Structure formats: structure tokens, C-alpha cells
Amino acid sequence: MKTMEIGMRIHMKGGPKFFGLDQVNVALKAGASVVSVQEGAVITSKVAEDLDDVELAITGFSVNVVIDDSGASQQTARPWWRFW
């Protein structure tokens, strides 16, 4: 069993960016299966701070995907043109 973190970060100028999806998809294509999806974290950024308070903005989230890769192929992916 393996736990992988996936999620999204939101940047004001660059927009949303996803992370971790490629690793999970590679494992699934190799034959792994999802056991559970669990809560992860809220990603925040400090917006302002004074003597009494810190103001944070929510800028993303993550979740944990638990996969069973015991039956997955350990072969690495090759470009499609090498199969012919």
C-alpha cells in the first residue's frame, strides 16, 4: 500500500495548478487500485499581519489517495512507437 498526495494550488496570477495527478494515474495504468481517498490539508497564504492577527487566504487543498500497488506491473511506460 502506498499513500500519494494530490491537490490544487490557486495562484492569483497563474490560476489553478494541479499536483500529484500524474503519479496516481501512472500507478493506476500499471494495475494499482484505489483503496481509499482521505482528507488532506488546506493550503493557505499569509495576506496580512498586524500585532493582534494574521490574515490568511485559502489558496488550495490536498487529499491523500491510498493505493494498493501489489498487483501493479513494475514495468516503466514506453512511448507507443516502441511497441511496433
PDB file of N, CA and C in Angstrom:
ATOM      1  N   MET A   1       0.850  -1.173   0.000  1.00  0.00           N
ATOM      2  CA  MET A   1       0.000   0.000   0.000  1.00  0.00           C
ATOM      3  C   MET A   1       0.895   1.234   0.000  1.00  0.00           C
ATOM      4  N   LYS A   2       0.414   2.249  -0.674  1.00  0.00           N
ATOM      5  CA  LYS A   2       1.161   3.486  -0.816  1.00  0.00           C
ATOM      6  C   LYS A   2       0.173   4.642  -0.731  1.00  0.00           C
ATOM      7  N   THR A   3       0.576   5.716  -0.055  1.00  0.00           N
ATOM      8  CA  THR A   3      -0.247   6.919   0.022  1.00  0.00           C
ATOM      9  C   THR A   3       0.372   7.998  -0.851  1.00  0.00           C
ATOM     10  N   MET A   4      -0.448   8.590  -1.708  1.00  0.00           N
ATOM     11  CA  MET A   4       0.005   9.646  -2.598  1.00  0.00           C
ATOM     12  C   MET A   4      -0.845  10.882  -2.358  1.00  0.00           C
ATOM     13  N   GLU A   5      -0.205  12.043  -2.382  1.00  0.00           N
ATOM     14  CA  GLU A   5      -0.917  13.303  -2.168  1.00  0.00           C
ATOM     15  C   GLU A   5      -1.212  13.952  -3.520  1.00  0.00           C
ATOM     16  N   ILE A   6      -2.471  14.339  -3.704  1.00  0.00           N
ATOM     17  CA  ILE A   6      -2.863  15.085  -4.900  1.00  0.00           C
ATOM     18  C   ILE A   6      -3.600  16.338  -4.438  1.00  0.00           C
ATOM     19  N   GLY A   7      -3.648  17.346  -5.288  1.00  0.00           N
ATOM     20  CA  GLY A   7      -4.373  18.546  -4.890  1.00  0.00           C
ATOM     21  C   GLY A   7      -4.275  19.645  -5.920  1.00  0.00           C
ATOM     22  N   MET A   8      -4.612  20.842  -5.467  1.00  0.00           N
ATOM     23  CA  MET A   8      -4.623  22.001  -6.340  1.00  0.00           C
ATOM     24  C   MET A   8      -4.140  23.216  -5.553  1.00  0.00           C
ATOM     25  N   ARG A   9      -3.306  24.008  -6.208  1.00  0.00           N
ATOM     26  CA  ARG A   9      -2.890  25.312  -5.682  1.00  0.00           C
ATOM     27  C   ARG A   9      -3.463  26.383  -6.597  1.00  0.00           C
ATOM     28  N   ILE A  10      -3.949  27.461  -6.006  1.00  0.00           N
ATOM     29  CA  ILE A  10      -4.529  28.550  -6.790  1.00  0.00           C
ATOM     30  C   ILE A  10      -3.648  29.781  -6.619  1.00  0.00           C
ATOM     31  N   HIS A  11      -3.100  30.248  -7.726  1.00  0.00           N
ATOM     32  CA  HIS A  11      -2.281  31.453  -7.732  1.00  0.00           C
ATOM     33  C   HIS A  11      -3.092  32.570  -8.379  1.00  0.00           C
ATOM     34  N   MET A  12      -3.008  33.736  -7.782  1.00  0.00           N
ATOM     35  CA  MET A  12      -3.806  34.865  -8.282  1.00  0.00           C
ATOM     36  C   MET A  12      -3.481  35.187  -9.739  1.00  0.00           C
ATOM     37  N   LYS A  13      -2.221  35.141 -10.123  1.00  0.00           N
ATOM     38  CA  LYS A  13      -1.848  35.480 -11.493  1.00  0.00           C
ATOM     39  C   LYS A  13      -1.833  34.258 -12.408  1.00  0.00           C
ATOM     40  N   GLY A  14      -1.394  33.127 -11.910  1.00  0.00           N
ATOM     41  CA  GLY A  14      -1.237  31.951 -12.758  1.00  0.00           C
ATOM     42  C   GLY A  14      -2.440  31.031 -12.818  1.00  0.00           C
ATOM     43  N   GLY A  15      -3.419  31.238 -11.937  1.00  0.00           N
ATOM     44  CA  GLY A  15      -4.591  30.372 -11.917  1.00  0.00           C
ATOM     45  C   GLY A  15      -4.322  29.063 -11.190  1.00  0.00           C
ATOM     46  N   PRO A  16      -5.219  28.096 -11.323  1.00  0.00           N
ATOM     47  CA  PRO A  16      -5.065  26.831 -10.601  1.00  0.00           C
ATOM     48  C   PRO A  16      -3.989  25.940 -11.227  1.00  0.00           C
ATOM     49  N   LYS A  17      -3.269  25.240 -10.371  1.00  0.00           N
ATOM     50  CA  LYS A  17      -2.266  24.256 -10.803  1.00  0.00           C
ATOM     51  C   LYS A  17      -2.486  22.994  -9.983  1.00  0.00           C
ATOM     52  N   PHE A  18      -2.576  21.871 -10.666  1.00  0.00           N
ATOM     53  CA  PHE A  18      -2.783  20.597 -10.000  1.00  0.00           C
ATOM     54  C   PHE A  18      -1.441  19.917  -9.751  1.00  0.00           C
ATOM     55  N   PHE A  19      -1.372  19.122  -8.686  1.00  0.00           N
ATOM     56  CA  PHE A  19      -0.158  18.364  -8.409  1.00  0.00           C
ATOM     57  C   PHE A  19      -0.516  16.949  -7.971  1.00  0.00           C
ATOM     58  N   GLY A  20       0.373  16.019  -8.272  1.00  0.00           N
ATOM     59  CA  GLY A  20       0.219  14.635  -7.846  1.00  0.00           C
ATOM     60  C   GLY A  20      -0.620  13.747  -8.752  1.00  0.00           C
ATOM     61  N   LEU A  21      -1.343  14.321  -9.699  1.00  0.00           N
ATOM     62  CA  LEU A  21      -2.237  13.527 -10.537  1.00  0.00           C
ATOM     63  C   LEU A  21      -1.468  12.563 -11.434  1.00  0.00           C
ATOM     64  N   ASP A  22      -0.346  12.996 -11.967  1.00  0.00           N
ATOM     65  CA  ASP A  22       0.425  12.135 -12.873  1.00  0.00           C
ATOM     66  C   ASP A  22       0.887  10.861 -12.178  1.00  0.00           C
ATOM     67  N   GLN A  23       1.377  10.980 -10.935  1.00  0.00           N
ATOM     68  CA  GLN A  23       1.862   9.803 -10.223  1.00  0.00           C
ATOM     69  C   GLN A  23       0.740   8.804  -9.957  1.00  0.00           C
ATOM     70  N   VAL A  24      -0.420   9.300  -9.580  1.00  0.00           N
ATOM     71  CA  VAL A  24      -1.560   8.409  -9.327  1.00  0.00           C
ATOM     72  C   VAL A  24      -1.999   7.741 -10.626  1.00  0.00           C
ATOM     73  N   ASN A  25      -2.085   8.500 -11.717  1.00  0.00           N
ATOM     74  CA  ASN A  25      -2.504   7.924 -12.992  1.00  0.00           C
ATOM     75  C   ASN A  25      -1.522   6.879 -13.505  1.00  0.00           C
ATOM     76  N   VAL A  26      -0.227   7.101 -13.328  1.00  0.00           N
ATOM     77  CA  VAL A  26       0.774   6.099 -13.734  1.00  0.00           C
ATOM     78  C   VAL A  26       0.556   4.806 -12.951  1.00  0.00           C
ATOM     79  N   ALA A  27       0.338   4.925 -11.646  1.00  0.00           N
ATOM     80  CA  ALA A  27       0.109   3.735 -10.821  1.00  0.00           C
ATOM     81  C   ALA A  27      -1.168   3.009 -11.244  1.00  0.00           C
ATOM     82  N   LEU A  28      -2.238   3.748 -11.531  1.00  0.00           N
ATOM     83  CA  LEU A  28      -3.492   3.116 -11.948  1.00  0.00           C
ATOM     84  C   LEU A  28      -3.347   2.418 -13.293  1.00  0.00           C
ATOM     85  N   LYS A  29      -2.645   3.046 -14.231  1.00  0.00           N
ATOM     86  CA  LYS A  29      -2.433   2.424 -15.542  1.00  0.00           C
ATOM     87  C   LYS A  29      -1.579   1.169 -15.443  1.00  0.00           C
ATOM     88  N   ALA A  30      -0.737   1.092 -14.407  1.00  0.00           N
ATOM     89  CA  ALA A  30       0.101  -0.084 -14.206  1.00  0.00           C
ATOM     90  C   ALA A  30      -0.640  -1.203 -13.488  1.00  0.00           C
ATOM     91  N   GLY A  31      -1.889  -0.959 -13.072  1.00  0.00           N
ATOM     92  CA  GLY A  31      -2.692  -2.006 -12.457  1.00  0.00           C
ATOM     93  C   GLY A  31      -2.977  -1.820 -10.982  1.00  0.00           C
ATOM     94  N   ALA A  32      -2.546  -0.727 -10.396  1.00  0.00           N
ATOM     95  CA  ALA A  32      -2.844  -0.473  -8.987  1.00  0.00           C
ATOM     96  C   ALA A  32      -4.323  -0.145  -8.831  1.00  0.00           C
ATOM     97  N   SER A  33      -4.817  -0.264  -7.614  1.00  0.00           N
ATOM     98  CA  SER A  33      -6.216   0.077  -7.355  1.00  0.00           C
ATOM     99  C   SER A  33      -6.298   1.035  -6.178  1.00  0.00           C
ATOM    100  N   VAL A  34      -7.322   1.892  -6.189  1.00  0.00           N
ATOM    101  CA  VAL A  34      -7.535   2.857  -5.118  1.00  0.00           C
ATOM    102  C   VAL A  34      -8.226   2.147  -3.957  1.00  0.00           C
ATOM    103  N   VAL A  35      -7.625   2.271  -2.781  1.00  0.00           N
ATOM    104  CA  VAL A  35      -8.195   1.680  -1.573  1.00  0.00           C
ATOM    105  C   VAL A  35      -9.087   2.695  -0.857  1.00  0.00           C
ATOM    106  N   SER A  36      -8.596   3.934  -0.755  1.00  0.00           N
ATOM    107  CA  SER A  36      -9.390   4.979  -0.116  1.00  0.00           C
ATOM    108  C   SER A  36      -8.868   6.353  -0.514  1.00  0.00           C
ATOM    109  N   VAL A  37      -9.745   7.333  -0.344  1.00  0.00           N
ATOM    110  CA  VAL A  37      -9.386   8.737  -0.525  1.00  0.00           C
ATOM    111  C   VAL A  37      -9.658   9.400   0.819  1.00  0.00           C
ATOM    112  N   GLN A  38      -8.616  10.044   1.369  1.00  0.00           N
ATOM    113  CA  GLN A  38      -8.708  10.604   2.719  1.00  0.00           C
ATOM    114  C   GLN A  38      -8.460  12.101   2.689  1.00  0.00           C
ATOM    115  N   GLU A  39      -8.963  12.762   3.730  1.00  0.00           N
ATOM    116  CA  GLU A  39      -8.755  14.202   3.802  1.00  0.00           C
ATOM    117  C   GLU A  39      -7.267  14.505   3.870  1.00  0.00           C
ATOM    118  N   GLY A  40      -6.922  15.640   3.332  1.00  0.00           N
ATOM    119  CA  GLY A  40      -5.535  16.074   3.325  1.00  0.00           C
ATOM    120  C   GLY A  40      -5.397  17.362   4.091  1.00  0.00           C
ATOM    121  N   ALA A  41      -5.104  18.438   3.387  1.00  0.00           N
ATOM    122  CA  ALA A  41      -4.850  19.711   4.047  1.00  0.00           C
ATOM    123  C   ALA A  41      -5.448  20.856   3.245  1.00  0.00           C
ATOM    124  N   VAL A  42      -5.602  21.975   3.919  1.00  0.00           N
ATOM    125  CA  VAL A  42      -5.968  23.229   3.266  1.00  0.00           C
ATOM    126  C   VAL A  42      -4.670  24.007   3.118  1.00  0.00           C
ATOM    127  N   ILE A  43      -4.397  24.496   1.919  1.00  0.00           N
ATOM    128  CA  ILE A  43      -3.185  25.261   1.662  1.00  0.00           C
ATOM    129  C   ILE A  43      -3.546  26.741   1.798  1.00  0.00           C
ATOM    130  N   THR A  44      -2.773  27.454   2.613  1.00  0.00           N
ATOM    131  CA  THR A  44      -3.058  28.863   2.853  1.00  0.00           C
ATOM    132  C   THR A  44      -1.830  29.723   2.567  1.00  0.00           C
ATOM    133  N   SER A  45      -2.077  31.018   2.379  1.00  0.00           N
ATOM    134  CA  SER A  45      -1.015  32.010   2.226  1.00  0.00           C
ATOM    135  C   SER A  45      -1.328  33.182   3.137  1.00  0.00           C
ATOM    136  N   LYS A  46      -0.284  33.754   3.715  1.00  0.00           N
ATOM    137  CA  LYS A  46      -0.482  34.913   4.581  1.00  0.00           C
ATOM    138  C   LYS A  46      -0.756  36.138   3.722  1.00  0.00           C
ATOM    139  N   VAL A  47      -1.863  36.819   4.019  1.00  0.00           N
ATOM    140  CA  VAL A  47      -2.262  38.006   3.266  1.00  0.00           C
ATOM    141  C   VAL A  47      -1.810  39.268   4.005  1.00  0.00           C
ATOM    142  N   ALA A  48      -2.008  39.290   5.310  1.00  0.00           N
ATOM    143  CA  ALA A  48      -1.664  40.466   6.104  1.00  0.00           C
ATOM    144  C   ALA A  48      -1.386  40.027   7.537  1.00  0.00           C
ATOM    145  N   GLU A  49      -0.698  40.892   8.254  1.00  0.00           N
ATOM    146  CA  GLU A  49      -0.395  40.598   9.647  1.00  0.00           C
ATOM    147  C   GLU A  49      -0.252  41.913  10.398  1.00  0.00           C
ATOM    148  N   ASP A  50      -0.852  41.961  11.594  1.00  0.00           N
ATOM    149  CA  ASP A  50      -0.617  43.090  12.478  1.00  0.00           C
ATOM    150  C   ASP A  50      -0.288  42.534  13.858  1.00  0.00           C
ATOM    151  N   LEU A  51      -0.278  43.362  14.865  1.00  0.00           N
ATOM    152  CA  LEU A  51       0.119  42.910  16.200  1.00  0.00           C
ATOM    153  C   LEU A  51      -0.830  41.870  16.787  1.00  0.00           C
ATOM    154  N   ASP A  52      -2.107  41.922  16.413  1.00  0.00           N
ATOM    155  CA  ASP A  52      -3.100  41.042  17.018  1.00  0.00           C
ATOM    156  C   ASP A  52      -3.493  39.857  16.154  1.00  0.00           C
ATOM    157  N   ASP A  53      -3.429  39.996  14.842  1.00  0.00           N
ATOM    158  CA  ASP A  53      -3.987  38.979  13.962  1.00  0.00           C
ATOM    159  C   ASP A  53      -3.089  38.696  12.766  1.00  0.00           C
ATOM    160  N   VAL A  54      -3.290  37.514  12.223  1.00  0.00           N
ATOM    161  CA  VAL A  54      -2.699  37.138  10.942  1.00  0.00           C
ATOM    162  C   VAL A  54      -3.864  36.802  10.023  1.00  0.00           C
ATOM    163  N   GLU A  55      -3.903  37.406   8.848  1.00  0.00           N
ATOM    164  CA  GLU A  55      -4.966  37.141   7.878  1.00  0.00           C
ATOM    165  C   GLU A  55      -4.450  36.163   6.833  1.00  0.00           C
ATOM    166  N   LEU A  56      -5.158  35.056   6.683  1.00  0.00           N
ATOM    167  CA  LEU A  56      -4.778  34.020   5.731  1.00  0.00           C
ATOM    168  C   LEU A  56      -5.833  33.897   4.638  1.00  0.00           C
ATOM    169  N   ALA A  57      -5.385  33.500   3.462  1.00  0.00           N
ATOM    170  CA  ALA A  57      -6.293  33.215   2.347  1.00  0.00           C
ATOM    171  C   ALA A  57      -6.131  31.743   1.969  1.00  0.00           C
ATOM    172  N   ILE A  58      -7.233  31.087   1.696  1.00  0.00           N
ATOM    173  CA  ILE A  58      -7.178  29.700   1.235  1.00  0.00           C
ATOM    174  C   ILE A  58      -6.745  29.711  -0.224  1.00  0.00           C
ATOM    175  N   THR A  59      -5.637  29.031  -0.506  1.00  0.00           N
ATOM    176  CA  THR A  59      -5.092  29.043  -1.863  1.00  0.00           C
ATOM    177  C   THR A  59      -4.979  27.638  -2.460  1.00  0.00           C
ATOM    178  N   GLY A  60      -5.655  26.677  -1.859  1.00  0.00           N
ATOM    179  CA  GLY A  60      -5.629  25.338  -2.423  1.00  0.00           C
ATOM    180  C   GLY A  60      -6.022  24.280  -1.411  1.00  0.00           C
ATOM    181  N   PHE A  61      -5.862  23.044  -1.822  1.00  0.00           N
ATOM    182  CA  PHE A  61      -6.197  21.909  -0.957  1.00  0.00           C
ATOM    183  C   PHE A  61      -5.423  20.685  -1.431  1.00  0.00           C
ATOM    184  N   SER A  62      -5.381  19.684  -0.576  1.00  0.00           N
ATOM    185  CA  SER A  62      -4.818  18.402  -0.982  1.00  0.00           C
ATOM    186  C   SER A  62      -5.652  17.282  -0.379  1.00  0.00           C
ATOM    187  N   VAL A  63      -5.620  16.124  -1.005  1.00  0.00           N
ATOM    188  CA  VAL A  63      -6.230  14.906  -0.488  1.00  0.00           C
ATOM    189  C   VAL A  63      -5.202  13.782  -0.617  1.00  0.00           C
ATOM    190  N   ASN A  64      -5.353  12.762   0.205  1.00  0.00           N
ATOM    191  CA  ASN A  64      -4.464  11.615   0.160  1.00  0.00           C
ATOM    192  C   ASN A  64      -5.181  10.441  -0.494  1.00  0.00           C
ATOM    193  N   VAL A  65      -4.529   9.839  -1.474  1.00  0.00           N
ATOM    194  CA  VAL A  65      -5.075   8.681  -2.168  1.00  0.00           C
ATOM    195  C   VAL A  65      -4.247   7.470  -1.751  1.00  0.00           C
ATOM    196  N   VAL A  66      -4.904   6.499  -1.128  1.00  0.00           N
ATOM    197  CA  VAL A  66      -4.224   5.273  -0.725  1.00  0.00           C
ATOM    198  C   VAL A  66      -4.447   4.253  -1.830  1.00  0.00           C
ATOM    199  N   ILE A  67      -3.346   3.727  -2.380  1.00  0.00           N
ATOM    200  CA  ILE A  67      -3.458   2.756  -3.463  1.00  0.00           C
ATOM    201  C   ILE A  67      -2.788   1.453  -3.067  1.00  0.00           C
ATOM    202  N   ASP A  68      -3.293   0.381  -3.624  1.00  0.00           N
ATOM    203  CA  ASP A  68      -2.694  -0.942  -3.479  1.00  0.00           C
ATOM    204  C   ASP A  68      -1.988  -1.244  -4.784  1.00  0.00           C
ATOM    205  N   ASP A  69      -0.665  -1.212  -4.746  1.00  0.00           N
ATOM    206  CA  ASP A  69       0.103  -1.466  -5.961  1.00  0.00           C
ATOM    207  C   ASP A  69       0.772  -2.839  -5.943  1.00  0.00           C
ATOM    208  N   SER A  70       0.257  -3.741  -5.103  1.00  0.00           N
ATOM    209  CA  SER A  70       0.865  -5.075  -5.007  1.00  0.00           C
ATOM    210  C   SER A  70       0.695  -5.879  -6.293  1.00  0.00           C
ATOM    211  N   GLY A  71      -0.373  -5.627  -7.053  1.00  0.00           N
ATOM    212  CA  GLY A  71      -0.581  -6.342  -8.304  1.00  0.00           C
ATOM    213  C   GLY A  71      -0.199  -5.542  -9.524  1.00  0.00           C
ATOM    214  N   ALA A  72       0.388  -4.371  -9.298  1.00  0.00           N
ATOM    215  CA  ALA A  72       0.721  -3.488 -10.419  1.00  0.00           C
ATOM    216  C   ALA A  72       1.982  -3.954 -11.116  1.00  0.00           C
ATOM    217  N   SER A  73       2.027  -3.709 -12.389  1.00  0.00           N
ATOM    218  CA  SER A  73       3.203  -4.009 -13.194  1.00  0.00           C
ATOM    219  C   SER A  73       4.315  -3.053 -12.803  1.00  0.00           C
ATOM    220  N   GLN A  74       5.514  -3.562 -12.653  1.00  0.00           N
ATOM    221  CA  GLN A  74       6.654  -2.726 -12.319  1.00  0.00           C
ATOM    222  C   GLN A  74       7.345  -2.199 -13.566  1.00  0.00           C
ATOM    223  N   GLN A  75       6.831  -2.544 -14.726  1.00  0.00           N
ATOM    224  CA  GLN A  75       7.407  -2.103 -15.988  1.00  0.00           C
ATOM    225  C   GLN A  75       7.157  -0.614 -16.169  1.00  0.00           C
ATOM    226  N   THR A  76       8.172   0.097 -16.616  1.00  0.00           N
ATOM    227  CA  THR A  76       8.004   1.528 -16.852  1.00  0.00           C
ATOM    228  C   THR A  76       7.335   1.732 -18.207  1.00  0.00           C
ATOM    229  N   ALA A  77       6.619   2.825 -18.307  1.00  0.00           N
ATOM    230  CA  ALA A  77       5.917   3.128 -19.556  1.00  0.00           C
ATOM    231  C   ALA A  77       6.926   3.478 -20.647  1.00  0.00           C
ATOM    232  N   ARG A  78       6.625   3.034 -21.860  1.00  0.00           N
ATOM    233  CA  ARG A  78       7.459   3.351 -23.014  1.00  0.00           C
ATOM    234  C   ARG A  78       6.612   4.079 -24.036  1.00  0.00           C
ATOM    235  N   PRO A  79       7.238   4.895 -24.862  1.00  0.00           N
ATOM    236  CA  PRO A  79       6.470   5.574 -25.914  1.00  0.00           C
ATOM    237  C   PRO A  79       5.770   4.552 -26.806  1.00  0.00           C
ATOM    238  N   TRP A  80       4.591   4.899 -27.316  1.00  0.00           N
ATOM    239  CA  TRP A  80       3.790   3.963 -28.100  1.00  0.00           C
ATOM    240  C   TRP A  80       4.517   3.473 -29.338  1.00  0.00           C
ATOM    241  N   TRP A  81       5.392   4.296 -29.940  1.00  0.00           N
ATOM    242  CA  TRP A  81       6.033   3.879 -31.177  1.00  0.00           C
ATOM    243  C   TRP A  81       7.074   2.773 -30.965  1.00  0.00           C
ATOM    244  N   ARG A  82       7.461   2.503 -29.727  1.00  0.00           N
ATOM    245  CA  ARG A  82       8.425   1.429 -29.479  1.00  0.00           C
ATOM    246  C   ARG A  82       7.754   0.060 -29.414  1.00  0.00           C
ATOM    247  N   PHE A  83       6.432   0.044 -29.385  1.00  0.00           N
ATOM    248  CA  PHE A  83       5.724  -1.227 -29.352  1.00  0.00           C
ATOM    249  C   PHE A  83       5.601  -1.843 -30.740  1.00  0.00           C
ATOM    250  N   TRP A  84       5.840  -1.076 -31.802  1.00  0.00           N
ATOM    251  CA  TRP A  84       5.620  -1.578 -33.166  1.00  0.00           C
ATOM    252  C   TRP A  84       6.866  -2.088 -33.775  1.00  0.00           C
TER     253      TRP A  84
END
